[in-house]
Amino acid sequence: MKDEVMLINTSRGGLIVEEDLKNALNSGKVAMAAMDVVSSEPMLENNPLLKAKNCIITPHIAWATKESRTRMMAIVTNNLKAYINGTPVNVIK
């Protein structure tokens, strides 16, 4: 990996070895990290990323913008309307 990369994890906390990421951030190998997930949620007080340089940690709600929630409600509403009209979508058989 190139030096000074930026890492963003909004997927799964377990994908990252947090101690290694802390060391890479503190040494400058990784320039910055933005984490919406960590290995244990709620986050433990001894999580190594809490002592890492240039690390932003959000409370696992990065998906929860107003736009995302509005879109999610529209999808649910459209799915219910389709079901009521006899044309269900996303049917699992």
C-alpha atoms as a PDB file:
ATOM      1  CA  MET A   1       0.000   0.000   0.000  1.00  0.00           C
ATOM      2  CA  LYS A   2       1.218   3.493  -0.739  1.00  0.00           C
ATOM      3  CA  ASP A   3       2.250   5.753   2.110  1.00  0.00           C
ATOM      4  CA  GLU A   4      -0.206   8.332   3.401  1.00  0.00           C
ATOM      5  CA  VAL A   5      -3.355   6.584   2.198  1.00  0.00           C
ATOM      6  CA  MET A   6      -6.746   7.537   3.615  1.00  0.00           C
ATOM      7  CA  LEU A   7      -8.880   4.699   4.957  1.00  0.00           C
ATOM      8  CA  ILE A   8     -12.665   4.808   5.284  1.00  0.00           C
ATOM      9  CA  ASN A   9     -14.570   1.898   6.809  1.00  0.00           C
ATOM     10  CA  THR A  10     -18.365   1.938   6.764  1.00  0.00           C
ATOM     11  CA  SER A  11     -18.625  -1.822   6.300  1.00  0.00           C
ATOM     12  CA  ARG A  12     -17.662  -4.081   9.204  1.00  0.00           C
ATOM     13  CA  GLY A  13     -15.461  -3.271  12.163  1.00  0.00           C
ATOM     14  CA  GLY A  14     -13.849  -6.694  12.144  1.00  0.00           C
ATOM     15  CA  LEU A  15     -12.247  -6.005   8.768  1.00  0.00           C
ATOM     16  CA  ILE A  16      -9.667  -3.776  10.449  1.00  0.00           C
ATOM     17  CA  VAL A  17      -6.989  -4.855  12.906  1.00  0.00           C
ATOM     18  CA  GLU A  18      -7.398  -1.796  15.079  1.00  0.00           C
ATOM     19  CA  GLU A  19      -4.036  -1.996  16.847  1.00  0.00           C
ATOM     20  CA  ASP A  20      -2.276  -2.176  13.465  1.00  0.00           C
ATOM     21  CA  LEU A  21      -4.296   0.762  12.140  1.00  0.00           C
ATOM     22  CA  LYS A  22      -3.446   2.801  15.247  1.00  0.00           C
ATOM     23  CA  ASN A  23       0.260   2.102  14.688  1.00  0.00           C
ATOM     24  CA  ALA A  24       0.005   2.968  10.981  1.00  0.00           C
ATOM     25  CA  LEU A  25      -1.798   6.231  11.777  1.00  0.00           C
ATOM     26  CA  ASN A  26       0.654   7.217  14.490  1.00  0.00           C
ATOM     27  CA  SER A  27       3.643   6.471  12.240  1.00  0.00           C
ATOM     28  CA  GLY A  28       2.174   8.335   9.249  1.00  0.00           C
ATOM     29  CA  LYS A  29       1.971   5.235   7.024  1.00  0.00           C
ATOM     30  CA  VAL A  30      -1.791   5.891   6.927  1.00  0.00           C
ATOM     31  CA  ALA A  31      -2.578   9.613   6.697  1.00  0.00           C
ATOM     32  CA  MET A  32      -6.066   9.449   8.151  1.00  0.00           C
ATOM     33  CA  ALA A  33      -8.918   7.097   8.903  1.00  0.00           C
ATOM     34  CA  ALA A  34     -12.655   7.597   9.128  1.00  0.00           C
ATOM     35  CA  MET A  35     -14.469   4.774  10.853  1.00  0.00           C
ATOM     36  CA  ASP A  36     -18.218   4.337  11.133  1.00  0.00           C
ATOM     37  CA  VAL A  37     -17.776   0.851  12.618  1.00  0.00           C
ATOM     38  CA  VAL A  38     -15.376  -0.682  15.098  1.00  0.00           C
ATOM     39  CA  SER A  39     -14.687  -4.253  16.191  1.00  0.00           C
ATOM     40  CA  SER A  40     -16.882  -4.066  19.277  1.00  0.00           C
ATOM     41  CA  GLU A  41     -19.998  -1.942  19.523  1.00  0.00           C
ATOM     42  CA  PRO A  42     -20.667  -0.090  21.622  1.00  0.00           C
ATOM     43  CA  MET A  43     -17.026   0.898  21.484  1.00  0.00           C
ATOM     44  CA  LEU A  44     -14.907  -0.260  24.383  1.00  0.00           C
ATOM     45  CA  GLU A  45     -13.001   2.312  26.424  1.00  0.00           C
ATOM     46  CA  ASN A  46      -9.679   0.665  25.547  1.00  0.00           C
ATOM     47  CA  ASN A  47     -10.176   0.674  21.762  1.00  0.00           C
ATOM     48  CA  PRO A  48      -6.737   1.515  20.299  1.00  0.00           C
ATOM     49  CA  LEU A  49      -8.235   3.877  17.717  1.00  0.00           C
ATOM     50  CA  LEU A  50      -9.169   6.277  20.510  1.00  0.00           C
ATOM     51  CA  LYS A  51      -5.437   7.008  20.880  1.00  0.00           C
ATOM     52  CA  ALA A  52      -4.651   7.199  17.173  1.00  0.00           C
ATOM     53  CA  LYS A  53      -3.724  10.354  15.287  1.00  0.00           C
ATOM     54  CA  ASN A  54      -6.007  11.610  12.514  1.00  0.00           C
ATOM     55  CA  CYS A  55      -8.820   9.164  13.203  1.00  0.00           C
ATOM     56  CA  ILE A  56     -12.460  10.180  13.000  1.00  0.00           C
ATOM     57  CA  ILE A  57     -14.971   7.772  14.524  1.00  0.00           C
ATOM     58  CA  THR A  58     -18.699   8.194  14.014  1.00  0.00           C
ATOM     59  CA  PRO A  59     -21.316   6.354  16.111  1.00  0.00           C
ATOM     60  CA  HIS A  60     -22.273   3.840  13.373  1.00  0.00           C
ATOM     61  CA  ILE A  61     -24.931   6.111  11.933  1.00  0.00           C
ATOM     62  CA  ALA A  62     -23.212   7.426   8.820  1.00  0.00           C
ATOM     63  CA  TRP A  63     -26.054   5.922   6.772  1.00  0.00           C
ATOM     64  CA  ALA A  64     -28.662   7.940   8.685  1.00  0.00           C
ATOM     65  CA  THR A  65     -28.683  11.173   6.738  1.00  0.00           C
ATOM     66  CA  LYS A  66     -32.083  12.745   6.147  1.00  0.00           C
ATOM     67  CA  GLU A  67     -31.789  11.798   2.470  1.00  0.00           C
ATOM     68  CA  SER A  68     -31.071   8.139   3.274  1.00  0.00           C
ATOM     69  CA  ARG A  69     -33.981   7.872   5.667  1.00  0.00           C
ATOM     70  CA  THR A  70     -36.312   9.602   3.185  1.00  0.00           C
ATOM     71  CA  ARG A  71     -35.240   7.189   0.433  1.00  0.00           C
ATOM     72  CA  MET A  72     -35.692   4.191   2.744  1.00  0.00           C
ATOM     73  CA  MET A  73     -39.239   5.275   3.625  1.00  0.00           C
ATOM     74  CA  ALA A  74     -40.069   5.773  -0.056  1.00  0.00           C
ATOM     75  CA  ILE A  75     -38.864   2.242  -0.839  1.00  0.00           C
ATOM     76  CA  VAL A  76     -40.966   0.773   1.979  1.00  0.00           C
ATOM     77  CA  THR A  77     -44.027   2.766   0.896  1.00  0.00           C
ATOM     78  CA  ASN A  78     -43.649   1.688  -2.738  1.00  0.00           C
ATOM     79  CA  ASN A  79     -43.161  -1.955  -1.720  1.00  0.00           C
ATOM     80  CA  LEU A  80     -46.324  -1.879   0.399  1.00  0.00           C
ATOM     81  CA  LYS A  81     -48.329  -0.220  -2.380  1.00  0.00           C
ATOM     82  CA  ALA A  82     -47.117  -2.837  -4.866  1.00  0.00           C
ATOM     83  CA  TYR A  83     -48.097  -5.650  -2.482  1.00  0.00           C
ATOM     84  CA  ILE A  84     -51.564  -4.201  -1.904  1.00  0.00           C
ATOM     85  CA  ASN A  85     -52.025  -3.819  -5.676  1.00  0.00           C
ATOM     86  CA  GLY A  86     -51.145  -7.486  -6.193  1.00  0.00           C
ATOM     87  CA  THR A  87     -47.752  -6.844  -7.786  1.00  0.00           C
ATOM     88  CA  PRO A  88     -45.262  -7.458  -4.975  1.00  0.00           C
ATOM     89  CA  VAL A  89     -41.605  -6.691  -5.600  1.00  0.00           C
ATOM     90  CA  ASN A  90     -38.471  -8.284  -4.193  1.00  0.00           C
ATOM     91  CA  VAL A  91     -40.300 -11.573  -3.640  1.00  0.00           C
ATOM     92  CA  ILE A  92     -38.229 -14.423  -2.256  1.00  0.00           C
ATOM     93  CA  LYS A  93     -39.442 -17.864  -3.267  1.00  0.00           C
END
